[in-house]
Protein backbone atom coordinates (compact mmCIF):
# COMPACT_ATOMS: atom_id res chain seq x y z
CA MET A 1 104.66 107.66 111.47
CA ALA A 2 107.11 105.00 110.27
CA ALA A 3 106.63 102.94 107.11
CA SER A 4 106.23 99.80 109.24
CA ASP A 5 103.12 101.34 110.80
CA LEU A 6 101.36 100.83 107.47
CA ASP A 7 101.28 97.13 108.34
CA ASP A 8 99.11 97.92 111.35
CA THR A 9 95.52 98.16 110.08
CA ASP A 10 94.34 99.53 113.42
CA LYS A 11 96.77 102.46 113.13
CA ILE A 12 95.60 103.06 109.57
CA ARG A 13 91.99 103.22 110.77
CA GLU A 14 92.95 105.63 113.55
CA VAL A 15 94.16 108.14 110.96
CA ASP A 16 91.78 107.31 108.10
CA LYS A 17 88.76 108.02 110.30
CA SER A 18 86.24 108.35 107.45
CA ASP A 19 87.63 105.29 105.64
CA MET A 20 88.77 106.83 102.38
CA LEU A 21 90.60 103.55 101.78
CA ALA A 22 87.25 101.80 101.34
CA PHE A 23 86.72 103.66 98.05
CA CYS A 24 90.08 102.33 96.84
CA VAL A 25 89.41 98.79 97.98
CA ASP A 26 85.94 98.76 96.43
CA ALA A 27 86.90 100.53 93.19
CA ALA A 28 85.81 97.65 90.94
CA GLU A 29 82.37 97.51 92.57
CA HIS A 30 81.88 101.25 92.14
CA TYR A 31 82.77 101.09 88.45
CA ARG A 32 80.36 98.18 87.94
CA GLU A 33 77.60 100.10 89.72
CA ALA A 34 78.37 103.23 87.72
CA ALA A 35 78.08 101.23 84.49
CA ARG A 36 74.75 99.79 85.63
CA ILE A 37 73.36 103.25 86.47
CA ALA A 38 74.69 104.74 83.22
CA GLU A 39 72.73 102.21 81.18
CA LYS A 40 69.66 104.32 82.01
CA ILE A 41 70.97 107.17 79.86
CA SER A 42 68.71 107.93 76.91
CA LEU A 43 69.48 110.92 74.70
CA SER A 44 67.73 112.26 71.63
CA TYR A 45 70.59 114.60 70.70
CA ALA A 46 72.08 113.78 67.31
CA ASN A 47 75.38 114.55 65.60
CA PRO A 48 77.00 117.16 67.85
CA GLU A 49 79.85 119.07 66.22
CA ASN A 50 81.81 119.23 69.46
CA ILE A 51 81.58 118.05 73.06
CA ILE A 52 82.34 120.13 76.14
CA VAL A 53 82.61 118.61 79.61
CA ALA A 54 81.90 121.33 82.19
CA GLY A 55 82.96 120.81 85.79
CA MET A 56 85.49 121.50 88.50
CA GLY A 57 87.88 119.42 90.60
CA GLY A 58 86.88 115.81 91.16
CA SER A 59 83.85 116.29 88.93
CA ALA A 60 86.01 117.47 86.01
CA ILE A 61 88.85 114.95 86.02
CA GLY A 62 86.56 112.41 84.34
CA GLY A 63 86.35 114.82 81.42
CA GLU A 64 90.14 114.94 81.17
CA LEU A 65 90.29 111.14 81.19
CA LEU A 66 87.58 111.07 78.51
CA LYS A 67 89.48 113.56 76.36
CA ASP A 68 92.65 111.47 76.52
CA TRP A 69 90.92 108.11 76.06
CA THR A 70 89.04 109.34 72.98
CA ARG A 71 91.98 111.12 71.34
CA ASP A 72 92.47 108.30 68.84
CA LYS A 73 88.79 107.27 68.76
CA ALA A 74 86.45 110.28 68.46
CA GLN A 75 86.05 112.19 65.18
CA ILE A 76 84.86 115.39 66.87
CA PRO A 77 86.72 117.62 69.35
CA ILE A 78 86.21 117.08 73.07
CA GLU A 79 87.21 119.78 75.54
CA VAL A 80 86.99 120.30 79.30
CA SER A 81 85.75 123.66 80.56
CA ARG A 82 86.64 124.71 84.10
CA ALA A 83 85.18 128.19 84.22
CA TYR A 84 82.05 130.26 84.87
CA SER A 85 81.13 130.20 81.18
CA LEU A 86 81.59 128.19 78.00
CA PRO A 87 84.16 128.92 75.28
CA ALA A 88 83.00 131.27 72.51
CA TYR A 89 82.41 128.51 69.96
CA ALA A 90 79.73 126.72 72.03
CA ASN A 91 76.36 126.80 70.27
CA GLU A 92 73.29 124.71 69.50
CA ARG A 93 75.50 122.07 67.83
CA SER A 94 77.58 121.63 71.01
CA LEU A 95 76.87 118.80 73.42
CA VAL A 96 77.61 120.15 76.90
CA LEU A 97 77.97 117.54 79.64
CA VAL A 98 77.51 119.35 82.95
CA MET A 99 79.19 117.48 85.82
CA SER A 100 78.84 118.28 89.52
CA ASN A 101 78.89 115.60 92.20
CA SER A 102 77.09 117.81 94.71
CA GLY A 103 75.00 119.77 92.23
CA GLU A 104 76.05 122.95 94.02
CA THR A 105 79.35 123.86 92.36
CA GLU A 106 79.24 127.60 91.74
CA GLU A 107 81.22 127.66 88.50
CA THR A 108 79.36 124.66 87.07
CA LEU A 109 75.92 126.13 87.81
CA SER A 110 77.01 129.32 86.05
CA THR A 111 78.17 127.30 83.03
CA PHE A 112 74.82 125.48 83.06
CA VAL A 113 73.06 128.83 82.73
CA ASP A 114 75.34 129.75 79.85
CA ALA A 115 74.69 126.44 78.07
CA VAL A 116 70.92 126.79 78.39
CA LYS A 117 71.01 130.38 77.11
CA ARG A 118 73.06 129.36 74.08
CA ARG A 119 70.61 126.53 73.37
CA CYS A 120 73.34 123.91 73.55
CA MET A 121 72.50 120.24 73.78
CA VAL A 122 72.83 119.78 77.54
CA PHE A 123 73.06 116.69 79.73
CA CYS A 124 73.70 116.81 83.48
CA VAL A 125 75.27 114.29 85.86
CA SER A 126 74.97 114.86 89.60
CA SER A 127 73.83 113.35 92.88
CA GLY A 128 71.26 116.11 93.29
CA GLY A 129 71.38 119.71 94.50
CA SER A 130 70.46 122.81 92.53
CA LEU A 131 71.79 121.37 89.28
CA LEU A 132 69.27 118.54 89.10
CA GLU A 133 66.52 120.71 90.59
CA PHE A 134 66.80 123.20 87.74
CA ALA A 135 67.58 120.56 85.11
CA GLU A 136 64.19 119.04 85.91
CA LYS A 137 62.44 122.41 85.84
CA LEU A 138 64.05 123.33 82.53
CA GLY A 139 63.40 119.95 80.94
CA VAL A 140 67.12 119.19 80.58
CA PRO A 141 67.96 115.44 80.61
CA TYR A 142 70.08 114.23 83.50
CA LEU A 143 71.44 111.22 85.33
CA ARG A 144 71.27 111.00 89.11
CA VAL A 145 74.23 109.22 90.71
CA PRO A 146 74.77 108.12 94.33
CA SER A 147 75.31 110.82 96.93
CA GLY A 148 77.28 110.99 100.15
CA MET A 149 80.83 110.52 98.87
CA PRO A 150 83.62 113.07 98.41
CA PRO A 151 83.83 114.28 94.79
CA ARG A 152 87.28 112.72 94.32
CA ALA A 153 85.91 109.36 95.44
CA SER A 154 82.99 109.63 93.02
CA LEU A 155 85.21 109.33 89.94
CA PRO A 156 83.48 106.13 88.70
CA TYR A 157 80.12 107.94 88.73
CA MET A 158 81.54 111.09 87.11
CA PHE A 159 83.50 109.23 84.41
CA VAL A 160 81.56 106.15 83.31
CA PRO A 161 78.41 108.14 82.34
CA LEU A 162 80.59 110.23 80.01
CA LEU A 163 81.80 107.06 78.30
CA LYS A 164 78.25 105.77 77.98
CA VAL A 165 76.93 109.04 76.57
CA LEU A 166 79.52 108.89 73.81
CA GLU A 167 78.89 105.20 73.15
CA LYS A 168 75.12 105.61 73.00
CA GLY A 169 75.58 108.64 70.74
CA GLY A 170 77.73 106.67 68.32
CA VAL A 171 80.81 108.84 68.93
CA VAL A 172 82.88 105.89 70.18
CA SER A 173 82.47 102.13 70.49
CA GLY A 174 83.85 99.35 72.66
CA VAL A 175 83.11 101.01 76.00
CA SER A 176 81.36 98.02 77.52
CA GLU A 177 84.18 95.65 76.56
CA GLU A 178 86.90 97.92 77.94
CA LEU A 179 84.94 98.52 81.16
CA SER A 180 84.57 94.77 81.62
CA GLU A 181 88.34 94.25 81.48
CA ALA A 182 88.98 97.31 83.63
CA THR A 183 86.68 96.23 86.46
CA GLN A 184 88.19 92.75 86.58
CA LEU A 185 91.68 94.23 86.70
CA LEU A 186 90.71 96.80 89.34
CA ALA A 187 89.63 94.02 91.70
CA HIS A 188 93.09 92.46 91.27
CA VAL A 189 94.99 95.75 91.72
CA ALA A 190 92.95 96.64 94.80
CA GLY A 191 93.77 93.24 96.30
CA GLU A 192 97.49 93.75 95.64
CA ASN A 193 97.45 97.12 97.44
CA ALA A 194 94.89 96.45 100.16
CA PRO A 195 95.51 97.53 103.78
CA ASP A 196 96.05 93.94 104.95
CA LYS A 197 98.91 93.45 102.46
CA PRO A 198 102.26 94.12 104.19
CA VAL A 199 104.57 96.86 102.94
CA LYS A 200 107.03 94.40 101.43
CA ASP A 201 104.29 92.99 99.16
CA ASN A 202 102.31 96.21 98.66
CA PHE A 203 103.52 98.57 95.90
CA ALA A 204 101.32 101.52 96.96
CA LYS A 205 102.61 101.31 100.55
CA MET A 206 106.20 101.15 99.33
CA LEU A 207 105.66 104.12 97.02
CA ALA A 208 104.06 106.16 99.81
CA SER A 209 106.98 105.34 102.08
CA GLY A 210 109.47 106.32 99.38
CA ILE A 211 108.00 109.74 98.68
CA ASN A 212 107.16 110.54 102.31
CA GLY A 213 108.69 113.86 103.33
CA SER A 214 108.76 115.30 99.82
CA ALA A 215 106.46 116.96 97.31
CA PRO A 216 105.46 114.51 94.55
CA VAL A 217 105.98 115.43 90.89
CA ILE A 218 104.15 113.14 88.46
CA TYR A 219 105.10 112.74 84.81
CA GLY A 220 102.69 111.12 82.36
CA PHE A 221 102.41 110.87 78.58
CA GLY A 222 99.74 110.12 75.99
CA PHE A 223 96.53 109.08 77.72
CA TYR A 224 98.43 109.06 81.01
CA ARG A 225 98.47 112.86 80.86
CA SER A 226 95.20 113.03 82.77
CA VAL A 227 96.23 110.09 84.96
CA ALA A 228 99.20 112.14 86.14
CA GLN A 229 96.80 115.00 86.82
CA ARG A 230 94.62 112.68 88.90
CA PHE A 231 97.68 111.60 90.93
CA LYS A 232 98.48 115.26 91.64
CA GLN A 233 94.93 116.03 92.78
CA GLN A 234 94.85 113.00 95.08
CA PHE A 235 98.13 113.99 96.72
CA ASN A 236 96.68 117.48 97.21
CA GLU A 237 93.37 116.44 98.72
CA ASN A 238 94.10 113.12 100.42
CA SER A 239 97.73 113.61 101.49
CA LYS A 240 97.36 117.40 102.01
CA LEU A 241 100.63 117.98 100.16
CA PRO A 242 101.82 120.35 97.42
CA SER A 243 102.19 118.36 94.21
CA LYS A 244 102.49 118.98 90.49
CA TRP A 245 102.14 117.12 87.21
CA GLU A 246 103.47 117.42 83.69
CA PHE A 247 103.58 115.26 80.58
CA PHE A 248 105.97 114.12 77.87
CA SER A 249 107.18 115.37 75.66
CA GLU A 250 106.13 118.92 76.56
CA LEU A 251 108.09 118.84 79.83
CA ASN A 252 111.29 118.26 77.84
CA HIS A 253 110.87 121.72 76.33
CA ASN A 254 110.68 123.66 79.61
CA GLU A 255 110.41 121.84 82.95
CA ILE A 256 113.58 119.81 82.49
CA VAL A 257 115.61 123.02 82.89
CA SER A 258 114.14 123.63 86.36
CA TRP A 259 115.99 120.59 87.72
CA GLU A 260 119.23 122.57 87.39
CA ASN A 261 118.29 124.08 90.75
CA THR A 262 119.68 121.07 92.61
CA LYS A 263 119.09 122.47 96.10
CA LEU A 264 115.38 122.97 95.44
CA ALA A 265 115.18 119.61 93.66
CA GLU A 266 115.88 117.88 96.97
CA CYS A 267 112.36 118.82 98.08
CA PHE A 268 110.71 116.69 95.38
CA SER A 269 110.14 113.06 94.44
CA THR A 270 109.49 112.23 90.81
CA ILE A 271 107.01 109.57 89.71
CA PHE A 272 107.16 108.40 86.10
CA ILE A 273 104.05 106.67 84.76
CA ARG A 274 105.17 103.87 82.46
CA ASP A 275 103.59 101.49 79.98
CA LYS A 276 105.12 98.40 78.35
CA ALA A 277 103.52 99.56 75.09
CA GLU A 278 105.02 103.06 75.21
CA SER A 279 106.59 104.11 71.92
CA ASP A 280 110.33 104.05 71.36
CA ALA A 281 110.30 107.85 71.18
CA ILE A 282 108.58 108.24 74.54
CA ARG A 283 110.68 105.52 76.17
CA SER A 284 113.85 107.28 75.02
CA ARG A 285 112.61 110.61 76.35
CA ILE A 286 111.74 109.14 79.77
CA GLU A 287 115.04 107.31 80.12
CA THR A 288 117.04 110.34 78.98
CA THR A 289 115.11 112.63 81.31
CA LYS A 290 115.94 110.36 84.25
CA THR A 291 119.65 110.77 83.53
CA LEU A 292 119.30 114.57 83.49
CA LEU A 293 117.72 114.81 86.92
CA PRO A 294 120.13 115.69 89.75
CA SER A 295 122.30 112.85 91.03
CA GLY A 296 120.58 111.02 93.87
CA SER A 297 117.11 112.28 92.93
CA ASN A 298 114.20 110.44 94.47
CA MET A 299 112.69 108.69 91.41
CA PHE A 300 109.96 106.06 91.11
CA GLU A 301 108.05 104.34 88.33
CA VAL A 302 104.42 103.22 88.26
CA TRP A 303 103.78 100.69 85.50
CA SER A 304 100.27 100.26 84.13
CA GLN A 305 98.54 96.90 83.95
CA GLY A 306 96.01 95.53 81.47
CA SER A 307 95.65 95.37 77.71
CA CYS A 308 92.97 97.89 76.68
CA ALA A 309 93.51 101.61 77.21
CA LEU A 310 90.77 102.02 79.81
CA ALA A 311 92.09 99.18 81.96
CA ARG A 312 95.62 100.58 81.79
CA MET A 313 94.44 104.05 82.78
CA LEU A 314 92.19 102.94 85.64
CA SER A 315 94.65 100.40 87.04
CA THR A 316 97.26 103.14 87.32
CA ILE A 317 94.78 105.55 88.92
CA CYS A 318 93.90 102.88 91.47
CA VAL A 319 97.55 102.61 92.53
CA GLY A 320 97.77 106.40 92.81
CA ASP A 321 94.61 106.58 94.91
CA PHE A 322 95.92 103.96 97.35
CA THR A 323 99.31 105.69 97.52
CA SER A 324 97.79 109.07 98.36
CA VAL A 325 95.82 107.61 101.27
CA TYR A 326 98.79 105.66 102.65
CA LEU A 327 100.88 108.83 102.38
CA ALA A 328 98.20 110.69 104.35
CA VAL A 329 98.44 108.03 107.05
CA LEU A 330 102.23 108.39 107.19
CA CYS A 331 101.75 112.17 107.51
CA GLY A 332 99.21 111.60 110.30
CA VAL A 333 96.38 113.43 108.51
CA ASP A 334 92.84 112.20 107.91
CA PRO A 335 92.56 112.03 104.10
CA THR A 336 88.83 112.80 103.87
CA PRO A 337 88.30 116.34 105.25
CA VAL A 338 89.27 119.23 102.94
CA GLU A 339 89.01 122.12 105.35
CA LYS A 340 90.56 124.76 103.10
CA ILE A 341 88.08 124.00 100.32
CA SER A 342 85.16 124.15 102.76
CA LEU A 343 86.41 127.44 104.18
CA LEU A 344 86.85 128.91 100.71
CA LYS A 345 83.32 127.89 99.74
CA GLU A 346 81.95 129.56 102.84
CA LYS A 347 83.76 132.79 102.01
CA MET A 348 82.62 132.63 98.37
CA ASN A 349 79.02 132.14 99.50
CA GLN A 350 79.30 135.48 101.28
CA VAL A 351 80.15 137.12 97.95
CA GLY A 352 76.77 135.98 96.64
CA THR A 353 77.72 134.79 93.17
CA LYS A 354 76.03 131.41 93.49
CA GLU A 355 72.80 132.94 94.73
CA LYS A 356 72.83 135.27 91.75
CA VAL A 357 73.28 132.29 89.41
CA LYS A 358 70.42 130.42 91.09
CA ARG A 359 68.14 133.43 90.71
CA GLU A 360 69.00 133.50 87.02
CA LEU A 361 68.17 129.81 86.76
CA ALA A 362 64.85 130.45 88.47
CA LEU A 363 64.04 133.16 85.94
CA LEU A 364 64.92 130.85 83.06
CA ALA A 365 62.74 128.10 84.51
CA GLY A 366 59.89 130.54 85.04
CA SER A 367 60.00 131.64 81.41
CA ARG A 368 59.64 128.09 80.06
């Protein structure tokens, strides 16, 4: 499909059959609703020594964003665990935030068992499923969020509750104020990149057109580390493309050498996430890195908008989400289905690990 076809909303709808674009367009509303729902959170846990966000995929990226956003704010360590069990240090002084949009994620349910056994302080966020069923039976506090959306589209509901848990627990402050600016800005960014905006006036459409036919490589820095990771995941799931992400200045100590393979480099497009407030050191590294990429490399920049950190992070994510859907349209693939993931889950169900975990949960619930 040609770039000009992105100006035809009917053609976009023909490809985007399940309307993934609607989640991009309505991002501000979803974040406002997520904030309203998260106000219900009430926890009696006090003074955790560390916080672990347990989840996978679209249910875990909120934890990465939280980790980066709190790096200069929280006085206790925050880590993301994507595994079947918790790290060795997790104990009764650990606050474990168990995240699963569906409530049926195999690895997350297994981690939930581990957290309960270790007597951690546990809080669950999900739309339902086995996770909330057993959380209720075990007396573990939880927050129920809306169901029926793909995990990657549920980011507002998987991220905002994490912010609110930390704010209500006194770990951070200023969440409500930053969310207020972010939601206002998201409405503006969504309008700038909406389907009815022509390519010439639509940055996300132009970016999708520019990287079409290549594998996107996204470079972030600071709290844009996890934003770059989100871009990569969206290109994987929405655009159905191989993609990778790295961050400054770590990539200057290894990845930069890989661009010496100029023939292979032709297969990639590089997206640099930028910020007007980036430090002189980071700015110098980005600009120098650009000069070291092969001559004629396909390079693009996505500049954040907003003043507070949360607004800058979410505004950039919004652009990436739009871009991934428009790129899917150009590739002629429906962004919503993830057939390989569904097939893998079916095959894993045959192994029986999740059923074993659920039996263990049932035994734990029966012993309470």
